[in-house]
């Protein structure tokens, strides 16, 4: 059974940094894409960033480009999201999700409901202004 466990959320002041972790188990890491998504209650889910477990190609949402960096540790099956220069509008519950590499990373990140099969429980990030 594929499982994802997020960690690293918390409260930070605007301009600060946080690093989220997503530990994956029950899968062959290189066969999957893994992505970060976020959601504020009452709003639609937003794609933040995705990475391929195969070739490490990446995708970023426009709102986080230049501030967030996604990376992966294929030995420990963990994906990280380094978030710098955080803004109040980054406040949300952040989820990681994974799916088999059946489509490219951009398609997967833009159509998560169709291509992502397993979701973590989420971790709350709160940015105070």
Protein backbone atom coordinates (compact mmCIF):
# COMPACT_ATOMS: atom_id res chain seq x y z
CA UNK A 1 0.00 0.00 0.00
CA UNK A 2 1.35 3.38 -1.02
CA UNK A 3 1.41 5.89 1.81
CA UNK A 4 2.51 9.50 2.08
CA UNK A 5 3.29 11.36 5.29
CA UNK A 6 3.82 15.12 5.28
CA UNK A 7 5.67 17.09 7.92
CA UNK A 8 7.24 20.48 8.42
CA UNK A 9 4.28 22.80 8.51
CA UNK A 10 3.91 25.51 11.12
CA UNK A 11 3.62 29.21 11.82
CA UNK A 12 6.10 31.60 10.25
CA UNK A 13 6.27 35.33 9.71
CA UNK A 14 6.00 36.81 6.25
CA UNK A 15 9.40 36.74 4.55
CA UNK A 16 10.42 33.63 6.44
CA UNK A 17 11.07 30.08 5.28
CA UNK A 18 9.80 26.58 5.90
CA UNK A 19 10.71 23.19 4.49
CA UNK A 20 8.03 20.58 4.02
CA UNK A 21 8.80 16.88 3.75
CA UNK A 22 6.79 14.10 2.14
CA UNK A 23 7.92 10.60 3.06
CA UNK A 24 6.65 7.95 0.65
CA UNK A 25 6.41 4.23 1.30
CA UNK A 26 5.06 1.19 -0.50
CA UNK A 27 6.19 2.30 -3.95
CA UNK A 28 9.10 2.20 -6.34
CA UNK A 29 10.00 5.86 -6.24
CA UNK A 30 11.31 6.04 -9.78
CA UNK A 31 7.94 4.87 -11.15
CA UNK A 32 5.99 7.78 -9.71
CA UNK A 33 5.53 11.53 -9.91
CA UNK A 34 5.02 13.33 -6.61
CA UNK A 35 3.50 16.74 -6.17
CA UNK A 36 2.58 19.38 -3.61
CA UNK A 37 -0.83 20.97 -3.61
CA UNK A 38 -2.47 23.42 -1.25
CA UNK A 39 -5.97 24.35 -0.29
CA UNK A 40 -7.63 27.05 1.73
CA UNK A 41 -11.11 26.18 3.02
CA UNK A 42 -13.68 27.42 0.55
CA UNK A 43 -11.15 27.70 -2.27
CA UNK A 44 -10.16 25.32 -5.03
CA UNK A 45 -7.10 23.14 -4.61
CA UNK A 46 -4.02 24.71 -6.17
CA UNK A 47 -1.03 22.95 -7.68
CA UNK A 48 2.17 24.16 -6.06
CA UNK A 49 4.98 22.02 -7.47
CA UNK A 50 5.63 18.54 -8.79
CA UNK A 51 8.67 16.37 -9.40
CA UNK A 52 9.26 13.21 -11.34
CA UNK A 53 10.72 10.29 -9.42
CA UNK A 54 12.16 9.13 -12.72
CA UNK A 55 14.11 12.03 -14.22
CA UNK A 56 13.61 14.70 -11.51
CA UNK A 57 11.90 17.06 -13.94
CA UNK A 58 9.88 19.69 -12.13
CA UNK A 59 6.88 21.99 -12.48
CA UNK A 60 5.94 25.04 -10.44
CA UNK A 61 2.76 27.00 -10.14
CA UNK A 62 3.04 30.64 -11.20
CA UNK A 63 2.39 31.94 -7.69
CA UNK A 64 5.43 30.18 -6.22
CA UNK A 65 8.00 30.37 -9.01
CA UNK A 66 11.27 31.82 -7.78
CA UNK A 67 10.32 31.31 -4.12
CA UNK A 68 9.72 27.57 -3.72
CA UNK A 69 12.04 24.71 -4.66
CA UNK A 70 11.07 21.06 -4.90
CA UNK A 71 13.64 18.29 -4.56
CA UNK A 72 13.75 14.58 -4.00
CA UNK A 73 15.86 12.07 -2.13
CA UNK A 74 15.46 8.85 -4.08
CA UNK A 75 17.37 6.83 -1.48
CA UNK A 76 14.98 7.74 1.32
CA UNK A 77 11.88 8.13 -0.89
CA UNK A 78 11.29 11.65 0.35
CA UNK A 79 10.28 14.80 -1.47
CA UNK A 80 10.99 18.23 -0.03
CA UNK A 81 9.43 21.62 -0.66
CA UNK A 82 11.67 24.49 0.38
CA UNK A 83 9.52 27.59 0.75
CA UNK A 84 11.29 30.94 0.95
CA UNK A 85 10.02 34.50 1.13
CA UNK A 86 6.69 33.27 2.37
CA UNK A 87 3.66 35.51 2.01
CA UNK A 88 0.38 35.62 3.87
CA UNK A 89 -1.34 34.25 0.76
CA UNK A 90 0.74 31.08 1.05
CA UNK A 91 -1.27 30.16 4.14
CA UNK A 92 -3.02 26.85 3.42
CA UNK A 93 -3.06 23.15 4.13
CA UNK A 94 -0.34 21.59 2.00
CA UNK A 95 -0.80 18.07 0.69
CA UNK A 96 1.57 15.81 -1.16
CA UNK A 97 0.19 13.33 -3.65
CA UNK A 98 1.54 10.71 -5.98
CA UNK A 99 0.65 8.81 -9.11
CA UNK A 100 2.31 6.50 -11.59
CA UNK A 101 4.32 8.20 -14.32
CA UNK A 102 1.68 7.67 -17.02
CA UNK A 103 1.76 11.27 -18.22
CA UNK A 104 4.32 14.06 -18.08
CA UNK A 105 4.82 16.07 -14.95
CA UNK A 106 3.01 19.17 -16.24
CA UNK A 107 -0.10 17.22 -17.19
CA UNK A 108 -0.17 15.44 -13.87
CA UNK A 109 0.21 18.61 -11.84
CA UNK A 110 -2.50 20.41 -13.80
CA UNK A 111 -4.97 17.50 -13.67
CA UNK A 112 -4.41 16.08 -10.18
CA UNK A 113 -7.85 14.56 -9.78
CA UNK A 114 -7.32 12.48 -12.88
CA UNK A 115 -3.74 11.33 -12.41
CA UNK A 116 -2.89 11.36 -8.70
CA UNK A 117 -3.87 8.24 -6.82
CA UNK A 118 -2.69 8.66 -3.23
CA UNK A 119 -2.81 11.75 -1.00
CA UNK A 120 -1.22 12.51 2.34
CA UNK A 121 -3.09 13.86 5.33
CA UNK A 122 -1.87 17.42 4.87
CA UNK A 123 0.21 19.82 6.92
CA UNK A 124 -0.87 23.35 7.84
CA UNK A 125 1.28 26.31 6.89
CA UNK A 126 0.35 29.64 8.43
CA UNK A 127 2.14 32.81 7.39
CA UNK A 128 1.53 35.84 9.58
CA UNK A 129 1.76 39.29 8.03
